[in-house]
Amino acid sequence: SELDTGDYVEKTFYRNEECYALTENGAKALELFGEKFPKS
């Protein structure tokens, strides 16, 4: 929910179902900081 309101994730329709997708901002954030959480 926080990522959706923060423009990192968006709700979209895919194959007639409501889905979630990564936005460009979400992809950039993940690229910059995504290695911070455990590899496990």
PDB file of all heavy atoms in Angstrom:
ATOM      1  N   SER A   1       0.819  -1.207   0.000  1.00  0.00           N
ATOM      2  CA  SER A   1       0.000   0.000   0.000  1.00  0.00           C
ATOM      3  C   SER A   1       0.860   1.266   0.000  1.00  0.00           C
ATOM      4  O   SER A   1       0.602   2.206  -0.755  1.00  0.00           O
ATOM      5  CB  SER A   1      -0.922   0.002   1.217  1.00  0.00           C
ATOM      6  OG  SER A   1      -1.656   1.200   1.276  1.00  0.00           O
ATOM      7  N   GLU A   2       1.895   1.284   0.826  1.00  0.00           N
ATOM      8  CA  GLU A   2       2.786   2.447   0.869  1.00  0.00           C
ATOM      9  C   GLU A   2       3.528   2.638  -0.450  1.00  0.00           C
ATOM     10  O   GLU A   2       3.716   3.767  -0.905  1.00  0.00           O
ATOM     11  CB  GLU A   2       3.774   2.315   2.018  1.00  0.00           C
ATOM     12  CG  GLU A   2       3.135   2.513   3.374  1.00  0.00           C
ATOM     13  CD  GLU A   2       4.127   2.408   4.506  1.00  0.00           C
ATOM     14  OE1 GLU A   2       5.324   2.728   4.308  1.00  0.00           O
ATOM     15  OE2 GLU A   2       3.709   2.003   5.609  1.00  0.00           O
ATOM     16  N   LEU A   3       3.950   1.564  -1.056  1.00  0.00           N
ATOM     17  CA  LEU A   3       4.643   1.666  -2.344  1.00  0.00           C
ATOM     18  C   LEU A   3       3.701   2.116  -3.452  1.00  0.00           C
ATOM     19  O   LEU A   3       4.097   2.850  -4.354  1.00  0.00           O
ATOM     20  CB  LEU A   3       5.289   0.325  -2.701  1.00  0.00           C
ATOM     21  CG  LEU A   3       6.490  -0.057  -1.848  1.00  0.00           C
ATOM     22  CD1 LEU A   3       6.828  -1.522  -2.037  1.00  0.00           C
ATOM     23  CD2 LEU A   3       7.685   0.827  -2.169  1.00  0.00           C
ATOM     24  N   ASP A   4       2.451   1.706  -3.372  1.00  0.00           N
ATOM     25  CA  ASP A   4       1.443   2.104  -4.361  1.00  0.00           C
ATOM     26  C   ASP A   4       1.173   3.603  -4.268  1.00  0.00           C
ATOM     27  O   ASP A   4       1.115   4.289  -5.284  1.00  0.00           O
ATOM     28  CB  ASP A   4       0.163   1.298  -4.154  1.00  0.00           C
ATOM     29  CG  ASP A   4      -0.891   1.567  -5.214  1.00  0.00           C
ATOM     30  OD1 ASP A   4      -0.526   1.960  -6.346  1.00  0.00           O
ATOM     31  OD2 ASP A   4      -2.078   1.383  -4.909  1.00  0.00           O
ATOM     32  N   THR A   5       1.039   4.129  -3.064  1.00  0.00           N
ATOM     33  CA  THR A   5       0.781   5.557  -2.907  1.00  0.00           C
ATOM     34  C   THR A   5       2.039   6.385  -3.146  1.00  0.00           C
ATOM     35  O   THR A   5       1.951   7.576  -3.391  1.00  0.00           O
ATOM     36  CB  THR A   5       0.208   5.880  -1.512  1.00  0.00           C
ATOM     37  OG1 THR A   5       1.127   5.446  -0.515  1.00  0.00           O
ATOM     38  CG2 THR A   5      -1.141   5.227  -1.314  1.00  0.00           C
ATOM     39  N   GLY A   6       3.204   5.753  -3.090  1.00  0.00           N
ATOM     40  CA  GLY A   6       4.464   6.452  -3.295  1.00  0.00           C
ATOM     41  C   GLY A   6       4.980   6.393  -4.712  1.00  0.00           C
ATOM     42  O   GLY A   6       6.109   6.768  -4.976  1.00  0.00           O
ATOM     43  N   ASP A   7       4.204   5.884  -5.647  1.00  0.00           N
ATOM     44  CA  ASP A   7       4.571   5.816  -7.062  1.00  0.00           C
ATOM     45  C   ASP A   7       5.739   4.869  -7.355  1.00  0.00           C
ATOM     46  O   ASP A   7       6.533   5.105  -8.251  1.00  0.00           O
ATOM     47  CB  ASP A   7       4.855   7.219  -7.616  1.00  0.00           C
ATOM     48  CG  ASP A   7       4.890   7.246  -9.132  1.00  0.00           C
ATOM     49  OD1 ASP A   7       4.126   6.487  -9.751  1.00  0.00           O
ATOM     50  OD2 ASP A   7       5.691   8.003  -9.702  1.00  0.00           O
ATOM     51  N   TYR A   8       5.842   3.809  -6.579  1.00  0.00           N
ATOM     52  CA  TYR A   8       6.856   2.791  -6.840  1.00  0.00           C
ATOM     53  C   TYR A   8       6.226   1.519  -7.404  1.00  0.00           C
ATOM     54  O   TYR A   8       6.895   0.717  -8.033  1.00  0.00           O
ATOM     55  CB  TYR A   8       7.625   2.457  -5.560  1.00  0.00           C
ATOM     56  CG  TYR A   8       8.417   3.630  -5.045  1.00  0.00           C
ATOM     57  CD1 TYR A   8       7.921   4.447  -4.033  1.00  0.00           C
ATOM     58  CD2 TYR A   8       9.656   3.943  -5.582  1.00  0.00           C
ATOM     59  CE1 TYR A   8       8.642   5.536  -3.573  1.00  0.00           C
ATOM     60  CE2 TYR A   8      10.381   5.026  -5.136  1.00  0.00           C
ATOM     61  CZ  TYR A   8       9.855   5.823  -4.128  1.00  0.00           C
ATOM     62  OH  TYR A   8      10.572   6.907  -3.688  1.00  0.00           O
ATOM     63  N   VAL A   9       4.946   1.367  -7.138  1.00  0.00           N
ATOM     64  CA  VAL A   9       4.152   0.233  -7.602  1.00  0.00           C
ATOM     65  C   VAL A   9       2.844   0.803  -8.119  1.00  0.00           C
ATOM     66  O   VAL A   9       2.341   1.794  -7.591  1.00  0.00           O
ATOM     67  CB  VAL A   9       3.880  -0.753  -6.429  1.00  0.00           C
ATOM     68  CG1 VAL A   9       2.876  -1.805  -6.800  1.00  0.00           C
ATOM     69  CG2 VAL A   9       5.174  -1.391  -5.972  1.00  0.00           C
ATOM     70  N   GLU A  10       2.308   0.188  -9.167  1.00  0.00           N
ATOM     71  CA  GLU A  10       1.028   0.664  -9.685  1.00  0.00           C
ATOM     72  C   GLU A  10       0.054  -0.488  -9.859  1.00  0.00           C
ATOM     73  O   GLU A  10       0.462  -1.619 -10.119  1.00  0.00           O
ATOM     74  CB  GLU A  10       1.216   1.378 -11.019  1.00  0.00           C
ATOM     75  CG  GLU A  10       1.683   0.478 -12.149  1.00  0.00           C
ATOM     76  CD  GLU A  10       1.904   1.211 -13.451  1.00  0.00           C
ATOM     77  OE1 GLU A  10       1.567   2.393 -13.552  1.00  0.00           O
ATOM     78  OE2 GLU A  10       2.428   0.585 -14.375  1.00  0.00           O
ATOM     79  N   LYS A  11      -1.209  -0.163  -9.672  1.00  0.00           N
ATOM     80  CA  LYS A  11      -2.255  -1.129  -9.979  1.00  0.00           C
ATOM     81  C   LYS A  11      -2.553  -1.018 -11.455  1.00  0.00           C
ATOM     82  O   LYS A  11      -2.622   0.081 -12.003  1.00  0.00           O
ATOM     83  CB  LYS A  11      -3.526  -0.832  -9.194  1.00  0.00           C
ATOM     84  CG  LYS A  11      -3.426  -1.158  -7.741  1.00  0.00           C
ATOM     85  CD  LYS A  11      -4.749  -0.886  -7.045  1.00  0.00           C
ATOM     86  CE  LYS A  11      -4.604  -1.057  -5.562  1.00  0.00           C
ATOM     87  NZ  LYS A  11      -5.830  -0.697  -4.852  1.00  0.00           N
ATOM     88  N   THR A  12      -2.703  -2.141 -12.093  1.00  0.00           N
ATOM     89  CA  THR A  12      -2.987  -2.169 -13.522  1.00  0.00           C
ATOM     90  C   THR A  12      -3.871  -3.370 -13.814  1.00  0.00           C
ATOM     91  O   THR A  12      -4.042  -4.238 -12.972  1.00  0.00           O
ATOM     92  CB  THR A  12      -1.665  -2.236 -14.318  1.00  0.00           C
ATOM     93  OG1 THR A  12      -1.941  -2.112 -15.697  1.00  0.00           O
ATOM     94  CG2 THR A  12      -0.901  -3.505 -14.054  1.00  0.00           C
ATOM     95  N   PHE A  13      -4.446  -3.389 -14.983  1.00  0.00           N
ATOM     96  CA  PHE A  13      -5.227  -4.558 -15.393  1.00  0.00           C
ATOM     97  C   PHE A  13      -4.413  -5.361 -16.390  1.00  0.00           C
ATOM     98  O   PHE A  13      -3.853  -4.818 -17.332  1.00  0.00           O
ATOM     99  CB  PHE A  13      -6.573  -4.133 -16.003  1.00  0.00           C
ATOM    100  CG  PHE A  13      -7.583  -3.793 -14.963  1.00  0.00           C
ATOM    101  CD1 PHE A  13      -7.698  -2.507 -14.477  1.00  0.00           C
ATOM    102  CD2 PHE A  13      -8.398  -4.782 -14.435  1.00  0.00           C
ATOM    103  CE1 PHE A  13      -8.613  -2.194 -13.499  1.00  0.00           C
ATOM    104  CE2 PHE A  13      -9.320  -4.483 -13.451  1.00  0.00           C
ATOM    105  CZ  PHE A  13      -9.426  -3.186 -12.977  1.00  0.00           C
ATOM    106  N   TYR A  14      -4.335  -6.648 -16.129  1.00  0.00           N
ATOM    107  CA  TYR A  14      -3.580  -7.564 -16.982  1.00  0.00           C
ATOM    108  C   TYR A  14      -4.427  -8.821 -17.114  1.00  0.00           C
ATOM    109  O   TYR A  14      -4.795  -9.431 -16.104  1.00  0.00           O
ATOM    110  CB  TYR A  14      -2.224  -7.868 -16.335  1.00  0.00           C
ATOM    111  CG  TYR A  14      -1.335  -8.789 -17.109  1.00  0.00           C
ATOM    112  CD1 TYR A  14      -0.742  -8.374 -18.300  1.00  0.00           C
ATOM    113  CD2 TYR A  14      -1.067 -10.073 -16.655  1.00  0.00           C
ATOM    114  CE1 TYR A  14       0.093  -9.213 -19.011  1.00  0.00           C
ATOM    115  CE2 TYR A  14      -0.233 -10.920 -17.353  1.00  0.00           C
ATOM    116  CZ  TYR A  14       0.342 -10.484 -18.538  1.00  0.00           C
ATOM    117  OH  TYR A  14       1.172 -11.322 -19.235  1.00  0.00           O
ATOM    118  N   ARG A  15      -4.767  -9.143 -18.335  1.00  0.00           N
ATOM    119  CA  ARG A  15      -5.626 -10.308 -18.601  1.00  0.00           C
ATOM    120  C   ARG A  15      -6.938 -10.226 -17.812  1.00  0.00           C
ATOM    121  O   ARG A  15      -7.349 -11.175 -17.163  1.00  0.00           O
ATOM    122  CB  ARG A  15      -4.898 -11.602 -18.326  1.00  0.00           C
ATOM    123  CG  ARG A  15      -3.706 -11.792 -19.245  1.00  0.00           C
ATOM    124  CD  ARG A  15      -3.052 -13.121 -19.028  1.00  0.00           C
ATOM    125  NE  ARG A  15      -1.919 -13.232 -19.939  1.00  0.00           N
ATOM    126  CZ  ARG A  15      -1.038 -14.207 -19.906  1.00  0.00           C
ATOM    127  NH1 ARG A  15      -1.146 -15.172 -19.032  1.00  0.00           N
ATOM    128  NH2 ARG A  15      -0.052 -14.241 -20.763  1.00  0.00           N
ATOM    129  N   ASN A  16      -7.527  -9.020 -17.831  1.00  0.00           N
ATOM    130  CA  ASN A  16      -8.810  -8.738 -17.187  1.00  0.00           C
ATOM    131  C   ASN A  16      -8.809  -8.917 -15.678  1.00  0.00           C
ATOM    132  O   ASN A  16      -9.853  -9.162 -15.076  1.00  0.00           O
ATOM    133  CB  ASN A  16      -9.930  -9.578 -17.807  1.00  0.00           C
ATOM    134  CG  ASN A  16     -10.150  -9.230 -19.259  1.00  0.00           C
ATOM    135  OD1 ASN A  16     -10.031  -8.071 -19.640  1.00  0.00           O
ATOM    136  ND2 ASN A  16     -10.437 -10.225 -20.066  1.00  0.00           N
ATOM    137  N   GLU A  17      -7.667  -8.801 -15.044  1.00  0.00           N
ATOM    138  CA  GLU A  17      -7.578  -8.897 -13.596  1.00  0.00           C
ATOM    139  C   GLU A  17      -6.746  -7.739 -13.060  1.00  0.00           C
ATOM    140  O   GLU A  17      -5.778  -7.327 -13.698  1.00  0.00           O
ATOM    141  CB  GLU A  17      -6.943 -10.217 -13.166  1.00  0.00           C
ATOM    142  CG  GLU A  17      -7.780 -11.428 -13.535  1.00  0.00           C
ATOM    143  CD  GLU A  17      -7.245 -12.690 -12.900  1.00  0.00           C
ATOM    144  OE1 GLU A  17      -7.146 -12.722 -11.664  1.00  0.00           O
ATOM    145  OE2 GLU A  17      -6.932 -13.618 -13.660  1.00  0.00           O
ATOM    146  N   GLU A  18      -7.128  -7.245 -11.892  1.00  0.00           N
ATOM    147  CA  GLU A  18      -6.344  -6.192 -11.266  1.00  0.00           C
ATOM    148  C   GLU A  18      -5.037  -6.786 -10.755  1.00  0.00           C
ATOM    149  O   GLU A  18      -5.040  -7.800 -10.061  1.00  0.00           O
ATOM    150  CB  GLU A  18      -7.118  -5.547 -10.119  1.00  0.00           C
ATOM    151  CG  GLU A  18      -6.398  -4.348  -9.551  1.00  0.00           C
ATOM    152  CD  GLU A  18      -7.206  -3.639  -8.499  1.00  0.00           C
ATOM    153  OE1 GLU A  18      -7.161  -4.075  -7.339  1.00  0.00           O
ATOM    154  OE2 GLU A  18      -7.893  -2.672  -8.861  1.00  0.00           O
ATOM    155  N   CYS A  19      -3.955  -6.144 -11.122  1.00  0.00           N
ATOM    156  CA  CYS A  19      -2.624  -6.643 -10.785  1.00  0.00           C
ATOM    157  C   CYS A  19      -1.745  -5.499 -10.292  1.00  0.00           C
ATOM    158  O   CYS A  19      -2.107  -4.330 -10.386  1.00  0.00           O
ATOM    159  CB  CYS A  19      -1.964  -7.255 -12.017  1.00  0.00           C
ATOM    160  SG  CYS A  19      -2.833  -8.670 -12.682  1.00  0.00           S
ATOM    161  N   TYR A  20      -0.583  -5.859  -9.802  1.00  0.00           N
ATOM    162  CA  TYR A  20       0.423  -4.885  -9.393  1.00  0.00           C
ATOM    163  C   TYR A  20       1.636  -5.021 -10.296  1.00  0.00           C
ATOM    164  O   TYR A  20       2.020  -6.119 -10.686  1.00  0.00           O
ATOM    165  CB  TYR A  20       0.849  -5.108  -7.943  1.00  0.00           C
ATOM    166  CG  TYR A  20      -0.233  -4.753  -6.964  1.00  0.00           C
ATOM    167  CD1 TYR A  20      -1.094  -5.720  -6.478  1.00  0.00           C
ATOM    168  CD2 TYR A  20      -0.402  -3.439  -6.547  1.00  0.00           C
ATOM    169  CE1 TYR A  20      -2.098  -5.389  -5.586  1.00  0.00           C
ATOM    170  CE2 TYR A  20      -1.399  -3.105  -5.657  1.00  0.00           C
ATOM    171  CZ  TYR A  20      -2.247  -4.085  -5.184  1.00  0.00           C
ATOM    172  OH  TYR A  20      -3.239  -3.752  -4.309  1.00  0.00           O
ATOM    173  N   ALA A  21       2.229  -3.872 -10.598  1.00  0.00           N
ATOM    174  CA  ALA A  21       3.425  -3.857 -11.436  1.00  0.00           C
ATOM    175  C   ALA A  21       4.405  -2.830 -10.881  1.00  0.00           C
ATOM    176  O   ALA A  21       4.009  -1.850 -10.242  1.00  0.00           O
ATOM    177  CB  ALA A  21       3.062  -3.504 -12.878  1.00  0.00           C
ATOM    178  N   LEU A  22       5.645  -3.053 -11.138  1.00  0.00           N
ATOM    179  CA  LEU A  22       6.714  -2.155 -10.744  1.00  0.00           C
ATOM    180  C   LEU A  22       6.696  -0.939 -11.667  1.00  0.00           C
ATOM    181  O   LEU A  22       6.582  -1.079 -12.877  1.00  0.00           O
ATOM    182  CB  LEU A  22       8.032  -2.914 -10.886  1.00  0.00           C
ATOM    183  CG  LEU A  22       9.275  -2.396 -10.209  1.00  0.00           C
ATOM    184  CD1 LEU A  22       9.087  -2.333  -8.712  1.00  0.00           C
ATOM    185  CD2 LEU A  22      10.444  -3.301 -10.557  1.00  0.00           C
ATOM    186  N   THR A  23       6.799   0.263 -11.098  1.00  0.00           N
ATOM    187  CA  THR A  23       6.900   1.466 -11.923  1.00  0.00           C
ATOM    188  C   THR A  23       8.376   1.739 -12.221  1.00  0.00           C
ATOM    189  O   THR A  23       9.268   1.080 -11.680  1.00  0.00           O
ATOM    190  CB  THR A  23       6.311   2.696 -11.209  1.00  0.00           C
ATOM    191  OG1 THR A  23       7.110   2.979 -10.050  1.00  0.00           O
ATOM    192  CG2 THR A  23       4.854   2.488 -10.837  1.00  0.00           C
ATOM    193  N   GLU A  24       8.613   2.729 -13.031  1.00  0.00           N
ATOM    194  CA  GLU A  24       9.991   3.119 -13.331  1.00  0.00           C
ATOM    195  C   GLU A  24      10.699   3.580 -12.050  1.00  0.00           C
ATOM    196  O   GLU A  24      11.862   3.244 -11.826  1.00  0.00           O
ATOM    197  CB  GLU A  24      10.005   4.243 -14.375  1.00  0.00           C
ATOM    198  CG  GLU A  24      11.377   4.590 -14.874  1.00  0.00           C
ATOM    199  CD  GLU A  24      11.354   5.621 -15.987  1.00  0.00           C
ATOM    200  OE1 GLU A  24      10.421   5.594 -16.802  1.00  0.00           O
ATOM    201  OE2 GLU A  24      12.279   6.453 -16.007  1.00  0.00           O
ATOM    202  N   ASN A  25       9.986   4.328 -11.206  1.00  0.00           N
ATOM    203  CA  ASN A  25      10.576   4.762  -9.935  1.00  0.00           C
ATOM    204  C   ASN A  25      10.898   3.570  -9.036  1.00  0.00           C
ATOM    205  O   ASN A  25      11.913   3.565  -8.344  1.00  0.00           O
ATOM    206  CB  ASN A  25       9.635   5.713  -9.191  1.00  0.00           C
ATOM    207  CG  ASN A  25       9.593   7.077  -9.808  1.00  0.00           C
ATOM    208  OD1 ASN A  25      10.464   7.458 -10.578  1.00  0.00           O
ATOM    209  ND2 ASN A  25       8.571   7.840  -9.487  1.00  0.00           N
ATOM    210  N   GLY A  26      10.035   2.578  -9.024  1.00  0.00           N
ATOM    211  CA  GLY A  26      10.280   1.377  -8.234  1.00  0.00           C
ATOM    212  C   GLY A  26      11.502   0.627  -8.723  1.00  0.00           C
ATOM    213  O   GLY A  26      12.315   0.154  -7.926  1.00  0.00           O
ATOM    214  N   ALA A  27      11.649   0.529 -10.030  1.00  0.00           N
ATOM    215  CA  ALA A  27      12.811  -0.150 -10.607  1.00  0.00           C
ATOM    216  C   ALA A  27      14.105   0.592 -10.272  1.00  0.00           C
ATOM    217  O   ALA A  27      15.121  -0.026  -9.940  1.00  0.00           O
ATOM    218  CB  ALA A  27      12.651  -0.292 -12.114  1.00  0.00           C
ATOM    219  N   LYS A  28      14.049   1.924 -10.334  1.00  0.00           N
ATOM    220  CA  LYS A  28      15.239   2.725  -9.995  1.00  0.00           C
ATOM    221  C   LYS A  28      15.614   2.573  -8.529  1.00  0.00           C
ATOM    222  O   LYS A  28      16.784   2.428  -8.196  1.00  0.00           O
ATOM    223  CB  LYS A  28      14.994   4.198 -10.311  1.00  0.00           C
ATOM    224  CG  LYS A  28      15.012   4.517 -11.778  1.00  0.00           C
ATOM    225  CD  LYS A  28      14.740   5.987 -12.018  1.00  0.00           C
ATOM    226  CE  LYS A  28      14.645   6.295 -13.492  1.00  0.00           C
ATOM    227  NZ  LYS A  28      14.289   7.708 -13.747  1.00  0.00           N
ATOM    228  N   ALA A  29      14.621   2.620  -7.653  1.00  0.00           N
ATOM    229  CA  ALA A  29      14.883   2.461  -6.212  1.00  0.00           C
ATOM    230  C   ALA A  29      15.492   1.097  -5.929  1.00  0.00           C
ATOM    231  O   ALA A  29      16.440   0.978  -5.149  1.00  0.00           O
ATOM    232  CB  ALA A  29      13.588   2.651  -5.422  1.00  0.00           C
ATOM    233  N   LEU A  30      14.956   0.079  -6.557  1.00  0.00           N
ATOM    234  CA  LEU A  30      15.476  -1.270  -6.365  1.00  0.00           C
ATOM    235  C   LEU A  30      16.911  -1.374  -6.873  1.00  0.00           C
ATOM    236  O   LEU A  30      17.767  -1.994  -6.228  1.00  0.00           O
ATOM    237  CB  LEU A  30      14.584  -2.284  -7.074  1.00  0.00           C
ATOM    238  CG  LEU A  30      14.891  -3.742  -6.838  1.00  0.00           C
ATOM    239  CD1 LEU A  30      14.820  -4.087  -5.355  1.00  0.00           C
ATOM    240  CD2 LEU A  30      13.924  -4.609  -7.611  1.00  0.00           C
ATOM    241  N   GLU A  31      17.183  -0.756  -7.988  1.00  0.00           N
ATOM    242  CA  GLU A  31      18.534  -0.783  -8.553  1.00  0.00           C
ATOM    243  C   GLU A  31      19.529  -0.082  -7.627  1.00  0.00           C
ATOM    244  O   GLU A  31      20.645  -0.566  -7.413  1.00  0.00           O
ATOM    245  CB  GLU A  31      18.531  -0.088  -9.916  1.00  0.00           C
ATOM    246  CG  GLU A  31      19.847  -0.118 -10.640  1.00  0.00           C
ATOM    247  CD  GLU A  31      19.761   0.554 -12.000  1.00  0.00           C
ATOM    248  OE1 GLU A  31      18.778   0.338 -12.721  1.00  0.00           O
ATOM    249  OE2 GLU A  31      20.685   1.318 -12.318  1.00  0.00           O
ATOM    250  N   LEU A  32      19.118   1.042  -7.044  1.00  0.00           N
ATOM    251  CA  LEU A  32      20.020   1.812  -6.186  1.00  0.00           C
ATOM    252  C   LEU A  32      20.234   1.194  -4.807  1.00  0.00           C
ATOM    253  O   LEU A  32      21.338   1.222  -4.272  1.00  0.00           O
ATOM    254  CB  LEU A  32      19.488   3.237  -6.019  1.00  0.00           C
ATOM    255  CG  LEU A  32      19.508   4.108  -7.262  1.00  0.00           C
ATOM    256  CD1 LEU A  32      18.788   5.422  -7.008  1.00  0.00           C
ATOM    257  CD2 LEU A  32      20.942   4.372  -7.708  1.00  0.00           C
ATOM    258  N   PHE A  33      19.152   0.661  -4.227  1.00  0.00           N
ATOM    259  CA  PHE A  33      19.228   0.241  -2.834  1.00  0.00           C
ATOM    260  C   PHE A  33      18.859  -1.215  -2.587  1.00  0.00           C
ATOM    261  O   PHE A  33      18.876  -1.665  -1.453  1.00  0.00           O
ATOM    262  CB  PHE A  33      18.301   1.115  -1.980  1.00  0.00           C
ATOM    263  CG  PHE A  33      18.608   2.572  -2.072  1.00  0.00           C
ATOM    264  CD1 PHE A  33      17.784   3.416  -2.793  1.00  0.00           C
ATOM    265  CD2 PHE A  33      19.732   3.101  -1.461  1.00  0.00           C
ATOM    266  CE1 PHE A  33      18.062   4.775  -2.885  1.00  0.00           C
ATOM    267  CE2 PHE A  33      20.019   4.451  -1.544  1.00  0.00           C
ATOM    268  CZ  PHE A  33      19.187   5.294  -2.261  1.00  0.00           C
ATOM    269  N   GLY A  34      18.519  -1.956  -3.602  1.00  0.00           N
ATOM    270  CA  GLY A  34      18.003  -3.302  -3.440  1.00  0.00           C
ATOM    271  C   GLY A  34      18.959  -4.317  -2.861  1.00  0.00           C
ATOM    272  O   GLY A  34      18.540  -5.325  -2.311  1.00  0.00           O
ATOM    273  N   GLU A  35      20.236  -4.067  -2.928  1.00  0.00           N
ATOM    274  CA  GLU A  35      21.215  -5.017  -2.392  1.00  0.00           C
ATOM    275  C   GLU A  35      21.327  -4.930  -0.879  1.00  0.00           C
ATOM    276  O   GLU A  35      22.094  -5.660  -0.275  1.00  0.00           O
ATOM    277  CB  GLU A  35      22.579  -4.770  -3.041  1.00  0.00           C
ATOM    278  CG  GLU A  35      22.602  -5.048  -4.526  1.00  0.00           C
ATOM    279  CD  GLU A  35      22.281  -6.494  -4.860  1.00  0.00           C
ATOM    280  OE1 GLU A  35      22.792  -7.399  -4.178  1.00  0.00           O
ATOM    281  OE2 GLU A  35      21.490  -6.719  -5.792  1.00  0.00           O
ATOM    282  N   LYS A  36      20.537  -4.066  -0.256  1.00  0.00           N
ATOM    283  CA  LYS A  36      20.609  -3.864   1.189  1.00  0.00           C
ATOM    284  C   LYS A  36      19.934  -4.975   1.984  1.00  0.00           C
ATOM    285  O   LYS A  36      20.192  -5.122   3.157  1.00  0.00           O
ATOM    286  CB  LYS A  36      19.963  -2.524   1.575  1.00  0.00           C
ATOM    287  CG  LYS A  36      20.597  -1.329   0.930  1.00  0.00           C
ATOM    288  CD  LYS A  36      21.864  -0.954   1.607  1.00  0.00           C
ATOM    289  CE  LYS A  36      22.406   0.325   0.975  1.00  0.00           C
ATOM    290  NZ  LYS A  36      23.696   0.678   1.416  1.00  0.00           N
ATOM    291  N   PHE A  37      19.044  -5.740   1.356  1.00  0.00           N
ATOM    292  CA  PHE A  37      18.388  -6.786   2.131  1.00  0.00           C
ATOM    293  C   PHE A  37      19.058  -8.128   1.871  1.00  0.00           C
ATOM    294  O   PHE A  37      19.719  -8.331   0.865  1.00  0.00           O
ATOM    295  CB  PHE A  37      16.870  -6.814   1.900  1.00  0.00           C
ATOM    296  CG  PHE A  37      16.409  -7.183   0.530  1.00  0.00           C
ATOM    297  CD1 PHE A  37      16.084  -8.483   0.238  1.00  0.00           C
ATOM    298  CD2 PHE A  37      16.246  -6.222  -0.450  1.00  0.00           C
ATOM    299  CE1 PHE A  37      15.635  -8.831  -1.017  1.00  0.00           C
ATOM    300  CE2 PHE A  37      15.795  -6.564  -1.700  1.00  0.00           C
ATOM    301  CZ  PHE A  37      15.486  -7.868  -1.990  1.00  0.00           C
ATOM    302  N   PRO A  38      18.921  -9.043   2.827  1.00  0.00           N
ATOM    303  CA  PRO A  38      19.702 -10.298   2.806  1.00  0.00           C
ATOM    304  C   PRO A  38      19.523 -11.139   1.543  1.00  0.00           C
ATOM    305  O   PRO A  38      18.425 -11.305   1.045  1.00  0.00           O
ATOM    306  CB  PRO A  38      19.165 -11.054   4.020  1.00  0.00           C
ATOM    307  CG  PRO A  38      18.568 -10.015   4.892  1.00  0.00           C
ATOM    308  CD  PRO A  38      18.052  -8.946   3.976  1.00  0.00           C
ATOM    309  N   LYS A  39      20.641 -11.689   1.073  1.00  0.00           N
ATOM    310  CA  LYS A  39      20.617 -12.578  -0.094  1.00  0.00           C
ATOM    311  C   LYS A  39      19.780 -13.826   0.173  1.00  0.00           C
ATOM    312  O   LYS A  39      19.175 -14.362  -0.729  1.00  0.00           O
ATOM    313  CB  LYS A  39      22.051 -12.997  -0.471  1.00  0.00           C
ATOM    314  CG  LYS A  39      22.894 -11.870  -1.001  1.00  0.00           C
ATOM    315  CD  LYS A  39      22.515 -11.548  -2.411  1.00  0.00           C
ATOM    316  CE  LYS A  39      23.475 -10.506  -2.952  1.00  0.00           C
ATOM    317  NZ  LYS A  39      23.002  -9.890  -4.150  1.00  0.00           N
ATOM    318  N   SER A  40      19.742 -14.261   1.415  1.00  0.00           N
ATOM    319  CA  SER A  40      18.961 -15.457   1.747  1.00  0.00           C
ATOM    320  C   SER A  40      17.481 -15.229   1.444  1.00  0.00           C
ATOM    321  O   SER A  40      16.788 -16.138   0.980  1.00  0.00           O
ATOM    322  CB  SER A  40      19.149 -15.834   3.220  1.00  0.00           C
ATOM    323  OG  SER A  40      18.718 -14.786   4.061  1.00  0.00           O
TER     324      SER A  40
END
